[in-house]
Structures are given as structure tokens and as C-alpha cells.
Amino acid sequence: MRTIPIVAAAPPRFARTGIARFGDALRRHRGAIVALQWGVVLCYAVLVVVPAFMPLPEAGASIVSNLRLAAQFAFWGVWWPFVIVSIMALGRVWCGLLCPEGMLTELASRHGLGRSIPRWMRWPGWPLAAFALTTVYGQLVSVYEYPDATLLILGGSTVAAVAVGAIYGRGGRRVWCRYLCPVSGVFALLAKVAPLHYRADARQWQQYQGPRERVDCAPLLDLRHLASASDCHACGRCSDHRGAIALALRSPNREILAGGGASTAPAANNPWPARLLVFGLLGLAPGAFQWSASPWFVALKQGAAQWLIERGYDSLMFRDDLPWWLLTHQPDAGDVFSLLDGLAILAFLAAATLVLGGTTWLALRAAARLAGGLRWHELALALVPLAGAGLFLGLSMMTLSQLRAEGIVPGWVAPARIALLAAGAAWSAWLGARLVAQHAPALPRRVAAWTCFMLPVALSVWVWARFFFPSR
């Protein structure tokens, strides 16, 4: 009797949907992506470097007739607000496909020294520290208004990124982006609600029997356990790797409702992203966007000035001859900060961080304790949609102020602001309710926990509403 050999069936291939095939196309067309990245680098250089060496715009100049104004509008009025939108909608495609700093640090790392990444660089608090230092320093030198300040901060960041890549990078890995980039932590938070992400199928990975090809993941991720969109740069290089990784759609709530959406247990136990969210995006950032028009800031500075004059300290505090790279000093534009101005800005930003961030932190801890079994930093991630809405509102203020200077006053701005703020608050409120319900089956505790969670939601809405509609 003839024996028929039994051939084991090949493991099922990861479903290649149209979206997955688009990810595969990104992997295949790396040359086109590199060309696009060089184009962005050139555009970035023009917007950041050239305006710093141009004179102040003449009276009557506009964004159409003056390159300095055009660059300011393009960079702060269009570029950055819609980077925020792209991260929340598509994941970190900005980082993987467009970011000039990422591209340059990766290039440097291909020819770098390849030294071991030091322990101090791996400290998980760097995203919060870098964001806070950059934000505060940017306000002191008026980074949104003057191109020399923009060049100092963003150009300095780019030089640092290249240096880190040249010293610690190897094989195109983005050490700077993973550990030290001032906005990487912010992007990691916003990407949690992106409906697109690359994910790995663990079963398919284990059953793969093809050639053992290697992927040099630029942000140094463990591709086998890829599940979160937070740290993935969405560059497409790993798409279809071992037949187990694919670009896919998901619910924008999935990562947050999964208890932080971390791909590994150590990441799930890391409270630093939540600290950045609470004290950075919901505390410091609103203060940075609002201090210049805040009546509280004016009252603070006037009170301090009166106290100093009465005690004879005015000669020191009112000096306004500090260099522009320490405090704003643009006499040709009639914009000069005194030492008192700088100290008042620091005090206001510190107060905003402590009051708004501290209140949010205490409310989240109380809500988590009432829910039982829920950690505060997991519950905090439900506030990501509200924080993203606040960031876009703050950055779009630059857009609208420049449009008003051109005589363009859109009538739909106020309703759009209300709608965006309401949508962010409602989304966060729903996420908070879902997380609380997962851990607090008893209705009274569920209601009490959700009420505590809603305190920071209401506080953030009130802060923005009072700023945009002070007479209401």
C-alpha cells in the first residue's frame, strides 16, 4: 500500500488588507521617502534659518510680500498645528516619514561611533523635562514671534539630534528621537488615539519559517511585541516582516481602554507619560499659550512691581538690557523684556503647572482609589483627547492672529473652538467612564470615581473657555 506523505499546512498569512498593502508600499519605496525627507529638510532650513537673517518687516508688509512673515505663518501657523492633527489621525507618520530632525539624526547614526547608550539618557522622565525646558525657554525669548529665537531653539535641537546620532547611533537608529526629543513624549501620547497603527501577530511570528531577515527599527522597538502606536514611527520598514506585521485600522479608543495600551509590562507600569500629560499638556501648556493675555499675569506683575518699588529694588528688577537669547530683547520691534517680566513669566508658568496639573493629579488619584484596581496613570490617559484639543487650540491662536493681521477674520472661529473643545471633553469623559466602569462594578463607587475624574475635564474646559470668551 502506497504511503502518502502528510505535508504540514503553512501557517495562515497575516491578512493583507488594502491598508496593509499601503504599509508594504512604504517599505518597498524607501528611495522616494528619502527624497521626500530631503525636501522637508530643505523646506525646514528655509523656514528656520533664512528669516533669522532678514530685517524686520516694513509697515504694510504681508505674508504674501514678505518672506519673514510668510515663514512665520507657514511654520507656526500651518506646520505645527497640523502636525498635531496628523499624529492623532494617522499615528507618528510625521516622525517616520517627514521629520527633518529624525532624518538627520538617522543619517548621522549610520556613520556614527555607535557607543553604548548611557543610563542617564534612558531616564524615563526626559520627555517631561525636555518639553518643560523647551516650552519655558521659548516663552522667555518669544519663540513664536521672532525668527532668531526660533533658530536658536529649533536649530539647537537639530544640532543636538545630529550630535547624539553621531555619538550613540548605529545602523540608522534614532537614539535622539527615542529618549531626548522635546516633543517625542507628546507625540507618543497623542498617537494613542490614532486609528492607524502597525501591529504584530505573535502566532504568525512564531510559526514563520522563511529567511531570517533583520529590520533596523529606527526608534529601537521590540517588533515581535509591537502593539502600541505610541513609540512606533510608522515608517513602514517592518511592514510584512516575517509575514507578521501589518498596518491596520483599530478603534481609536482601544489603546487607552486596554489599560494604557503598552506593548510590554514595564511600559504599562511607567507613570512618566501620564505625568507629562497632566503637568505638561494640561498644566504648563495652557499657561504658556495664555500668559501674555491673562489678567492674572498682569495683576501678578503689577503687584510685584509695586512691592519692589516700595523696597527700593526697582533698579535691578527693571533692567532691560539682557541679551536676546536670555530674555526677549527686540528694541527695533519695541519689544523688550525686563528682568521682572522674565521672573513674572516663570512664576505664572510655575503656578499654572502646579495649580492645573496638581489639581488634575489629585483628582485622578482620588478617582482611581474610588474605582479600585485602577492606577491613576492608566486613568489619566483618558484625558489625551482633551489635551490634544487644547494643543491644537493653542497653536491655532498663532494662525488666527496672523490671519487677522492680514485682514482675514473668519466668522466660524468661535463656533469651531466651542465644537472642538466640547468634542475633546466629551471623548475624554466617555473614556473615563469606560475605564471606571471596568474596575468599579458598584454603581455608587462608579459615580463617585467618575465625578472625581470629571473635575480635571471641567477645569480644562473652564480655563480655555474663560480665555476665549472672557465676557461670557
Foldseek 3Di string as FASTA:
>chain_A
DDDDDDDDDAPDFDDCDPQQVVLVVLQVPVVVLLVQQVVLLVVVCQLQPVLQPDDDDDPPDALVRDVNRVSLCVVLQPNVLVCLVCCLAAFQLCLQRHPNLLSLLLVLLQQAPQDADDPVQVPLQQLLVLLVVLLLLCLQLVCSPHSVSVCVRVVVLSVVQSVCSRYNHHPRARSCLQGHPNCLLVSLLSNLLHQKDKAFDLVLQVSQDDDDDDFDQRNPDDRNQDWGSRSHNSSSNCRCPSSTIGIDGDHSLVLLLVQNNDSDPVVSVDLNSLLCVQLPLQFLVLLSLFLVPDVVLVVQLVVVCVVCVVVVNCVQQFDFPDDSSRGHDDVVVPDTDGNSNSVSSVVSSVVRSCPLSVLLQVLLCVLDVLLPPHDSSSLSSLLSLLSSLSVSVSSNVSNQVSCVVVVDHDPCVVVVNVVSNVVSLVSSLVSNLSNSVVRHVDVVSSVVSSVSNCPSSVVSSVSVCCRVPVPD
